[in-house]
Amino acid sequence: MNDMAHGCACLDLNEATIYTENFFATFPEGTVYYTNSTWKKTKRSNIPDAILLDQWTPATHATFDSGIIAISEKTVGVLWVEDED
């Protein structure tokens, strides 16, 4: 997984996948998800098939932030990341 400011690798993709899968596994079918951002797949010379932050509405005072809010009938969850330039 790459940082939001410069696209530098900061988290092993397998580790990031485990965090993401565990988060989504917490919620049942019918959960509603909200986010403050959109991402786009792009090609960079040093990062093939990079997915970069495209647009967002800040929710923190950080230079960059992005997250997901999940709401089901019995559970609410927030997965949020931020980065500084």
C-alpha atoms as a PDB file:
ATOM      1  CA  MET A   1       0.000   0.000   0.000  1.00  0.00           C
ATOM      2  CA  ASN A   2       1.347   3.437  -0.903  1.00  0.00           C
ATOM      3  CA  ASP A   3       1.182   6.697   0.978  1.00  0.00           C
ATOM      4  CA  MET A   4      -1.291   9.308  -0.229  1.00  0.00           C
ATOM      5  CA  ALA A   5       1.152  12.204  -0.526  1.00  0.00           C
ATOM      6  CA  HIS A   6       3.920  10.776  -2.712  1.00  0.00           C
ATOM      7  CA  GLY A   7       2.873   7.265  -3.718  1.00  0.00           C
ATOM      8  CA  CYS A   8       5.757   5.676  -1.793  1.00  0.00           C
ATOM      9  CA  ALA A   9       5.307   2.166  -0.471  1.00  0.00           C
ATOM     10  CA  CYS A  10       4.599   2.211   3.259  1.00  0.00           C
ATOM     11  CA  LEU A  11       2.666  -1.004   3.950  1.00  0.00           C
ATOM     12  CA  ASP A  12       3.053  -4.446   2.477  1.00  0.00           C
ATOM     13  CA  LEU A  13       0.170  -5.193   0.083  1.00  0.00           C
ATOM     14  CA  ASN A  14      -0.586  -8.516   1.786  1.00  0.00           C
ATOM     15  CA  GLU A  15      -0.797  -6.816   5.194  1.00  0.00           C
ATOM     16  CA  ALA A  16      -3.047  -4.075   3.801  1.00  0.00           C
ATOM     17  CA  THR A  17      -5.278  -6.739   2.229  1.00  0.00           C
ATOM     18  CA  ILE A  18      -5.639  -8.527   5.582  1.00  0.00           C
ATOM     19  CA  TYR A  19      -6.638  -5.285   7.349  1.00  0.00           C
ATOM     20  CA  THR A  20      -9.171  -4.495   4.636  1.00  0.00           C
ATOM     21  CA  GLU A  21     -10.682  -7.974   4.498  1.00  0.00           C
ATOM     22  CA  ASN A  22     -10.997  -8.090   8.306  1.00  0.00           C
ATOM     23  CA  PHE A  23     -12.764  -4.732   8.344  1.00  0.00           C
ATOM     24  CA  PHE A  24     -15.324  -5.685   5.687  1.00  0.00           C
ATOM     25  CA  ALA A  25     -15.850  -9.173   7.194  1.00  0.00           C
ATOM     26  CA  THR A  26     -17.188  -7.467  10.328  1.00  0.00           C
ATOM     27  CA  PHE A  27     -20.302  -6.258   8.541  1.00  0.00           C
ATOM     28  CA  PRO A  28     -23.275  -8.264   7.250  1.00  0.00           C
ATOM     29  CA  GLU A  29     -24.925  -8.031   3.866  1.00  0.00           C
ATOM     30  CA  GLY A  30     -27.035  -4.884   3.640  1.00  0.00           C
ATOM     31  CA  THR A  31     -24.437  -2.687   5.345  1.00  0.00           C
ATOM     32  CA  VAL A  32     -24.295   0.847   3.956  1.00  0.00           C
ATOM     33  CA  TYR A  33     -20.830   2.331   3.302  1.00  0.00           C
ATOM     34  CA  TYR A  34     -19.829   5.988   3.043  1.00  0.00           C
ATOM     35  CA  THR A  35     -16.524   7.551   2.036  1.00  0.00           C
ATOM     36  CA  ASN A  36     -15.060  10.995   1.524  1.00  0.00           C
ATOM     37  CA  SER A  37     -12.915  10.129  -1.482  1.00  0.00           C
ATOM     38  CA  THR A  38     -12.472   8.604  -4.911  1.00  0.00           C
ATOM     39  CA  TRP A  39      -9.408   6.721  -6.089  1.00  0.00           C
ATOM     40  CA  LYS A  40      -8.091   6.039  -9.582  1.00  0.00           C
ATOM     41  CA  LYS A  41      -5.838   3.417 -11.058  1.00  0.00           C
ATOM     42  CA  THR A  42      -2.847   4.902 -12.838  1.00  0.00           C
ATOM     43  CA  LYS A  43       0.534   3.887 -14.178  1.00  0.00           C
ATOM     44  CA  ARG A  44       3.669   5.407 -12.663  1.00  0.00           C
ATOM     45  CA  SER A  45       7.185   4.470 -13.626  1.00  0.00           C
ATOM     46  CA  ASN A  46       8.086   3.304 -10.121  1.00  0.00           C
ATOM     47  CA  ILE A  47       4.672   1.857  -9.144  1.00  0.00           C
ATOM     48  CA  PRO A  48       2.940  -0.326 -11.749  1.00  0.00           C
ATOM     49  CA  ASP A  49      -0.864  -0.306 -11.479  1.00  0.00           C
ATOM     50  CA  ALA A  50      -0.864   2.245  -8.653  1.00  0.00           C
ATOM     51  CA  ILE A  51      -4.152   3.308  -7.110  1.00  0.00           C
ATOM     52  CA  LEU A  52      -3.932   6.954  -6.105  1.00  0.00           C
ATOM     53  CA  LEU A  53      -6.191   9.307  -4.194  1.00  0.00           C
ATOM     54  CA  ASP A  54      -8.043  11.329  -6.830  1.00  0.00           C
ATOM     55  CA  GLN A  55     -10.569  13.541  -4.997  1.00  0.00           C
ATOM     56  CA  TRP A  56     -11.638  13.902  -1.381  1.00  0.00           C
ATOM     57  CA  THR A  57     -13.449  16.080   1.106  1.00  0.00           C
ATOM     58  CA  PRO A  58     -11.212  16.375   4.191  1.00  0.00           C
ATOM     59  CA  ALA A  59     -12.544  15.098   7.497  1.00  0.00           C
ATOM     60  CA  THR A  60      -9.411  15.930   9.515  1.00  0.00           C
ATOM     61  CA  HIS A  61      -6.738  18.623   9.610  1.00  0.00           C
ATOM     62  CA  ALA A  62      -4.266  16.309   7.845  1.00  0.00           C
ATOM     63  CA  THR A  63      -2.972  17.184   4.378  1.00  0.00           C
ATOM     64  CA  PHE A  64      -4.640  14.029   3.032  1.00  0.00           C
ATOM     65  CA  ASP A  65      -7.248  11.778   4.620  1.00  0.00           C
ATOM     66  CA  SER A  66      -9.572   9.089   3.404  1.00  0.00           C
ATOM     67  CA  GLY A  67     -11.833   6.573   5.000  1.00  0.00           C
ATOM     68  CA  ILE A  68     -14.860   4.368   5.048  1.00  0.00           C
ATOM     69  CA  ILE A  69     -17.768   4.507   7.463  1.00  0.00           C
ATOM     70  CA  ALA A  70     -19.809   1.312   7.627  1.00  0.00           C
ATOM     71  CA  ILE A  71     -23.296   1.254   9.150  1.00  0.00           C
ATOM     72  CA  SER A  72     -25.364  -1.888   9.635  1.00  0.00           C
ATOM     73  CA  GLU A  73     -28.415  -2.484  11.840  1.00  0.00           C
ATOM     74  CA  LYS A  74     -26.226  -3.460  14.815  1.00  0.00           C
ATOM     75  CA  THR A  75     -22.713  -2.246  14.044  1.00  0.00           C
ATOM     76  CA  VAL A  76     -20.931   0.945  13.041  1.00  0.00           C
ATOM     77  CA  GLY A  77     -17.289   0.950  11.965  1.00  0.00           C
ATOM     78  CA  VAL A  78     -14.773   3.513  10.785  1.00  0.00           C
ATOM     79  CA  LEU A  79     -11.569   2.800   8.904  1.00  0.00           C
ATOM     80  CA  TRP A  80      -9.661   6.054   8.417  1.00  0.00           C
ATOM     81  CA  VAL A  81      -6.150   6.903   7.253  1.00  0.00           C
ATOM     82  CA  GLU A  82      -4.331  10.198   6.960  1.00  0.00           C
ATOM     83  CA  ASP A  83      -1.034  11.376   5.529  1.00  0.00           C
ATOM     84  CA  GLU A  84       1.046  14.532   5.699  1.00  0.00           C
ATOM     85  CA  ASP A  85       2.957  16.040   2.811  1.00  0.00           C
END
